[in-house]
Amino acid sequence: MLHLEHIHKVFNEGTPDEKIALDEVDLSLKKGDFVTVIGSNGAGKSTLMNVISGVFQPDIGTIQIDGTDVTVMPEYKRSRLIGRVFQDPMAGTAPSMTIEENLAIAYNRNKRRTLKLGVNRKRKQLFKEALESLHLGLEGRLNAKVGLLSGGERQALSLLMATFTEPAILLLDEHTAALDPSRAELITNLTKEIVEEHHLTTLMVTHNMQQALDLGNKLIMMDKGKIILGFDEEEKQGLTVEKLLEEFQKIKGEQMVSDRALLS
C-alpha cells in the first residue's frame, strides 16, 4: 500500500547549516497496517510525513502509494490518495467556513470537479450521520463556523474530514499533542475507532511512547534521519516503555533515564 525505498533528504546542502533529514529510509506498509512512529526532536519524523504527502520531494529514492509511483507527483494531486491530520487544531480546516462547507470540501477531495452544489439534501444527511459518530453534538451545528469550535471539536472534525473518503494512506502528525489530556484521550479513542472501522492504512507520529505502544500493530523508532528500530505486531505486544528505552540505549550507547529524555 505504501512503499518507500532509499529515501534521502538533505536541507541546506553544501552550507554550514546542512542537515540530513532522512538518510536512506526504507519503509513498507500493507493494507490496514497502523504504524506508530517515535523519536526525539530532529529525528526526521515530520520530514518523513512531508515527503510522503508531497510537501517535499526526496533528493533520492522512490515513493509508491497503492501501486502508483508518486515520487514527483505534486502535493495537490497526491492529496486525493492521502488524508492528514496535523498537530495544530487550527490546521486542516477553513475557520471562516461552516462545518457543512468544510465537510463538502473533504467529500469532494477525490472526485472530479463539477458545477454542482457542494451540499444538497442527501449530502447534508450523510454529513449529519458522520458527525453523529463523533458523539460531540456537531451534527446539530452544521452551519456553525469552524473557527468557533473548541480545539478538541476542531481536531475531531479534522480527523473526520481526513478519513471521510477512506484515503489510501492516513497520516497523523502528533495530532493529539496540542490538546489537554481529556480531549487528547477523546481524539485517541476516535482515531482507534475510525481506523479499525474503515481498515485504514495509517502512519502516526507521536511523542507519547505509551500512546505509540497502545495504538497500531507496528512501531518504528527514528533517530538522525534513520529508522533505528522496528517492531512487528507480535513483537509490539510484549513491549513496554522501559523495554523501548533499553533497546534505544543498546543501539545508541547512551544512558537514557526516561522517555522524556528520549522524546523531548
Protein backbone atom coordinates (compact mmCIF):
# COMPACT_ATOMS: atom_id res chain seq x y z
CA MET A 1 0.00 0.00 0.00
CA LEU A 2 2.82 2.40 0.96
CA HIS A 3 6.36 1.67 -0.13
CA LEU A 4 9.36 3.95 0.46
CA GLU A 5 12.72 2.92 -0.94
CA HIS A 6 16.09 4.57 -0.21
CA ILE A 7 14.53 7.93 0.71
CA HIS A 8 17.20 10.57 1.26
CA LYS A 9 16.52 14.24 2.00
CA VAL A 10 19.06 16.96 2.79
CA PHE A 11 18.32 20.57 3.71
CA ASN A 12 20.79 23.43 3.06
CA GLU A 13 23.16 21.09 1.25
CA GLY A 14 26.72 22.35 0.91
CA THR A 15 26.31 25.03 3.58
CA PRO A 16 27.36 25.18 7.24
CA ASP A 17 23.69 24.54 8.08
CA GLU A 18 23.49 21.30 6.09
CA LYS A 19 21.21 18.74 7.73
CA ILE A 20 20.48 15.21 6.63
CA ALA A 21 16.79 14.94 7.49
CA LEU A 22 16.19 11.47 6.03
CA ASP A 23 19.02 9.01 5.47
CA GLU A 24 18.28 6.03 3.19
CA VAL A 25 14.86 5.31 4.72
CA ASP A 26 13.06 2.13 3.64
CA LEU A 27 9.51 1.56 4.83
CA SER A 28 6.63 -0.63 3.67
CA LEU A 29 3.04 -0.68 4.94
CA LYS A 30 0.50 -3.26 3.89
CA LYS A 31 -3.22 -2.55 3.60
CA GLY A 32 -4.61 -1.96 7.09
CA ASP A 33 -1.26 -1.52 8.84
CA PHE A 34 -1.27 1.06 11.63
CA VAL A 35 2.33 2.08 12.31
CA THR A 36 3.27 4.41 15.15
CA VAL A 37 6.48 6.47 14.83
CA ILE A 38 8.52 7.75 17.76
CA GLY A 39 11.82 9.59 18.08
CA SER A 40 13.39 12.71 19.52
CA ASN A 41 13.06 16.18 18.03
CA GLY A 42 15.03 16.37 14.78
CA ALA A 43 14.83 12.61 14.22
CA GLY A 44 13.12 13.11 10.84
CA LYS A 45 9.55 12.17 11.75
CA SER A 46 7.82 15.27 10.35
CA THR A 47 10.09 15.30 7.29
CA LEU A 48 9.02 11.72 6.64
CA MET A 49 5.37 12.79 6.74
CA ASN A 50 6.05 15.77 4.47
CA VAL A 51 7.88 13.62 1.92
CA ILE A 52 5.03 11.11 1.83
CA SER A 53 2.38 13.83 1.48
CA GLY A 54 4.32 15.72 -1.21
CA VAL A 55 5.27 18.86 0.71
CA PHE A 56 8.89 17.93 -0.07
CA GLN A 57 10.31 15.71 -2.78
CA PRO A 58 13.13 13.34 -1.80
CA ASP A 59 16.59 14.00 -3.22
CA ILE A 60 16.97 10.27 -3.76
CA GLY A 61 14.53 7.39 -3.61
CA THR A 62 11.01 6.42 -4.68
CA ILE A 63 7.56 6.52 -3.09
CA GLN A 64 4.66 4.32 -4.12
CA ILE A 65 1.10 4.54 -2.84
CA ASP A 66 -1.31 1.76 -3.76
CA GLY A 67 0.97 0.70 -6.62
CA THR A 68 1.34 4.22 -8.07
CA ASP A 69 4.71 5.97 -8.17
CA VAL A 70 4.05 9.38 -6.58
CA THR A 71 7.68 10.42 -6.05
CA VAL A 72 7.37 13.55 -8.21
CA MET A 73 3.58 13.93 -8.01
CA PRO A 74 2.66 17.39 -6.63
CA GLU A 75 1.03 17.66 -3.24
CA TYR A 76 -2.39 18.76 -4.52
CA LYS A 77 -2.69 15.65 -6.72
CA ARG A 78 -1.34 13.35 -4.03
CA SER A 79 -3.98 14.67 -1.60
CA ARG A 80 -6.57 12.53 -3.37
CA LEU A 81 -4.77 9.49 -2.00
CA ILE A 82 -3.82 10.86 1.42
CA GLY A 83 -5.67 12.11 4.47
CA ARG A 84 -3.64 14.07 7.02
CA VAL A 85 -4.28 15.48 10.48
CA PHE A 86 -1.80 17.98 11.91
CA GLN A 87 -0.73 18.78 15.47
CA ASP A 88 -2.32 22.25 15.35
CA PRO A 89 -6.14 22.04 15.65
CA MET A 90 -6.26 25.25 13.59
CA ALA A 91 -4.69 23.49 10.59
CA GLY A 92 -6.54 21.26 8.14
CA THR A 93 -9.84 23.17 8.23
CA ALA A 94 -11.14 26.50 6.94
CA PRO A 95 -12.11 28.51 10.08
CA SER A 96 -14.23 31.08 8.23
CA MET A 97 -16.37 28.37 6.64
CA THR A 98 -19.09 26.29 8.27
CA ILE A 99 -18.83 22.68 9.38
CA GLU A 100 -21.05 21.75 6.47
CA GLU A 101 -18.86 23.58 3.95
CA ASN A 102 -15.68 22.04 5.34
CA LEU A 103 -17.16 18.56 5.05
CA ALA A 104 -18.24 19.30 1.48
CA ILE A 105 -14.64 20.16 0.58
CA ALA A 106 -13.42 16.92 2.15
CA TYR A 107 -16.16 14.91 0.42
CA ASN A 108 -15.11 16.22 -2.99
CA ARG A 109 -11.35 15.80 -2.45
CA ASN A 110 -11.04 12.64 -4.56
CA LYS A 111 -13.83 13.42 -7.03
CA ARG A 112 -13.94 15.22 -10.35
CA ARG A 113 -14.70 18.93 -10.10
CA THR A 114 -18.19 19.90 -11.29
CA LEU A 115 -20.50 22.92 -11.15
CA LYS A 116 -22.96 21.09 -8.90
CA LEU A 117 -23.66 22.45 -5.44
CA GLY A 118 -21.30 21.16 -2.75
CA VAL A 119 -24.17 20.47 -0.34
CA ASN A 120 -27.58 19.04 -1.16
CA ARG A 121 -30.19 17.29 0.97
CA LYS A 122 -28.65 13.84 0.50
CA ARG A 123 -25.16 15.03 1.39
CA LYS A 124 -26.43 17.01 4.36
CA GLN A 125 -27.89 13.80 5.77
CA LEU A 126 -24.60 12.00 5.08
CA PHE A 127 -22.69 14.73 6.92
CA LYS A 128 -25.04 14.54 9.91
CA GLU A 129 -24.63 10.77 10.18
CA ALA A 130 -20.84 11.08 10.00
CA LEU A 131 -20.80 13.79 12.68
CA GLU A 132 -23.01 11.69 14.96
CA SER A 133 -20.20 9.12 15.12
CA LEU A 134 -18.05 11.71 16.95
CA HIS A 135 -20.55 11.96 19.85
CA LEU A 136 -19.88 15.70 20.23
CA GLY A 137 -23.25 17.10 19.13
CA LEU A 138 -21.76 18.66 15.98
CA GLU A 139 -24.47 17.11 13.83
CA GLY A 140 -26.78 19.84 15.13
CA ARG A 141 -24.32 22.62 14.31
CA LEU A 142 -23.77 22.18 10.57
CA ASN A 143 -23.97 25.93 9.96
CA ALA A 144 -21.57 26.89 12.76
CA LYS A 145 -18.26 28.46 11.74
CA VAL A 146 -15.40 26.05 12.35
CA GLY A 147 -13.34 28.86 13.89
CA LEU A 148 -15.79 28.92 16.81
CA LEU A 149 -15.22 25.28 17.75
CA SER A 150 -13.02 24.22 20.67
CA GLY A 151 -9.62 22.66 19.96
CA GLY A 152 -10.91 19.16 20.64
CA GLU A 153 -14.01 19.63 18.49
CA ARG A 154 -11.94 21.02 15.65
CA GLN A 155 -9.42 18.19 15.82
CA ALA A 156 -12.26 15.66 15.81
CA LEU A 157 -13.66 17.37 12.72
CA SER A 158 -10.20 17.35 11.10
CA LEU A 159 -9.93 13.61 11.75
CA LEU A 160 -13.36 13.02 10.25
CA MET A 161 -12.52 15.14 7.19
CA ALA A 162 -9.21 13.34 6.67
CA THR A 163 -10.91 9.93 6.71
CA PHE A 164 -14.24 10.83 5.10
CA THR A 165 -13.31 9.40 1.69
CA GLU A 166 -11.31 6.46 3.13
CA PRO A 167 -7.91 7.55 1.76
CA ALA A 168 -5.24 5.07 0.70
CA ILE A 169 -2.96 6.46 3.42
CA LEU A 170 -3.82 8.31 6.65
CA LEU A 171 -1.05 10.47 8.15
CA LEU A 172 -1.40 11.58 11.78
CA ASP A 173 1.26 14.11 12.73
CA GLU A 174 1.21 14.36 16.56
CA HIS A 175 -2.49 15.10 16.24
CA THR A 176 -3.19 14.91 20.00
CA ALA A 177 -0.09 16.78 21.25
CA ALA A 178 -1.72 20.24 21.44
CA LEU A 179 -4.81 19.08 23.34
CA ASP A 180 -5.49 18.84 27.06
CA PRO A 181 -5.43 15.27 28.47
CA SER A 182 -9.20 14.67 28.32
CA ARG A 183 -9.51 15.90 24.73
CA ALA A 184 -6.35 14.01 23.76
CA GLU A 185 -7.92 10.82 25.09
CA LEU A 186 -11.11 11.54 23.14
CA ILE A 187 -9.22 12.01 19.87
CA THR A 188 -7.07 8.94 20.55
CA ASN A 189 -10.18 6.80 21.04
CA LEU A 190 -11.84 8.26 17.93
CA THR A 191 -8.68 7.55 15.94
CA LYS A 192 -8.68 3.92 17.00
CA GLU A 193 -12.39 3.52 16.18
CA ILE A 194 -12.20 5.16 12.75
CA VAL A 195 -9.01 3.38 11.66
CA GLU A 196 -10.36 -0.02 12.73
CA GLU A 197 -13.82 0.55 11.23
CA HIS A 198 -12.51 1.54 7.81
CA HIS A 199 -9.36 -0.63 7.91
CA LEU A 200 -7.24 2.41 7.05
CA THR A 201 -3.52 2.16 6.37
CA THR A 202 -2.12 4.62 8.90
CA LEU A 203 1.18 6.21 9.88
CA MET A 204 1.08 8.13 13.17
CA VAL A 205 3.86 10.27 14.67
CA THR A 206 3.73 10.75 18.42
CA HIS A 207 5.97 11.93 21.25
CA ASN A 208 3.97 9.83 23.71
CA MET A 209 5.66 6.44 23.99
CA GLN A 210 2.73 4.83 25.81
CA GLN A 211 0.36 6.01 23.08
CA ALA A 212 2.72 4.54 20.48
CA LEU A 213 2.53 1.21 22.29
CA ASP A 214 -1.24 1.28 22.81
CA LEU A 215 -2.18 2.08 19.21
CA GLY A 216 -1.47 0.26 15.99
CA ASN A 217 0.04 -3.09 15.04
CA LYS A 218 3.61 -1.95 14.32
CA LEU A 219 6.08 0.56 15.76
CA ILE A 220 9.24 2.21 14.43
CA MET A 221 11.77 4.47 16.15
CA MET A 222 13.71 7.14 14.26
CA ASP A 223 16.95 8.90 15.10
CA LYS A 224 19.03 11.29 12.97
CA GLY A 225 17.00 10.58 9.84
CA LYS A 226 17.17 6.80 10.11
CA ILE A 227 14.79 4.08 11.23
CA ILE A 228 16.85 2.51 14.00
CA LEU A 229 14.26 0.15 15.49
CA GLY A 230 11.22 -1.63 14.14
CA PHE A 231 8.71 -3.95 15.82
CA ASP A 232 6.06 -6.07 14.12
CA GLU A 233 2.70 -6.93 15.65
CA GLU A 234 3.90 -9.91 17.67
CA GLU A 235 6.98 -8.11 19.00
CA LYS A 236 4.99 -4.99 19.85
CA GLN A 237 2.56 -6.88 22.08
CA GLY A 238 5.23 -7.54 24.68
CA LEU A 239 6.81 -4.08 24.60
CA THR A 240 6.87 -1.62 27.47
CA VAL A 241 8.26 1.90 27.70
CA GLU A 242 11.16 0.53 29.76
CA LYS A 243 12.00 -2.10 27.13
CA LEU A 244 11.92 0.54 24.39
CA LEU A 245 14.36 2.68 26.33
CA GLU A 246 16.63 -0.32 26.88
CA GLU A 247 16.68 -1.08 23.15
CA PHE A 248 17.43 2.54 22.35
CA GLN A 249 20.27 2.54 24.87
CA LYS A 250 21.79 -0.60 23.31
CA ILE A 251 21.86 1.00 19.87
CA LYS A 252 22.92 4.49 20.88
CA GLY A 253 25.19 3.56 23.75
CA GLU A 254 23.69 6.41 25.76
CA GLN A 255 22.21 6.42 29.26
CA MET A 256 18.52 7.23 28.89
CA VAL A 257 16.79 7.81 32.21
CA SER A 258 13.26 8.43 30.99
CA ASP A 259 11.04 8.63 27.95
CA ARG A 260 11.09 12.42 28.38
CA ALA A 261 14.86 12.41 27.84
CA LEU A 262 14.40 10.35 24.71
CA LEU A 263 11.49 12.17 23.18
CA SER A 264 11.84 15.82 24.25
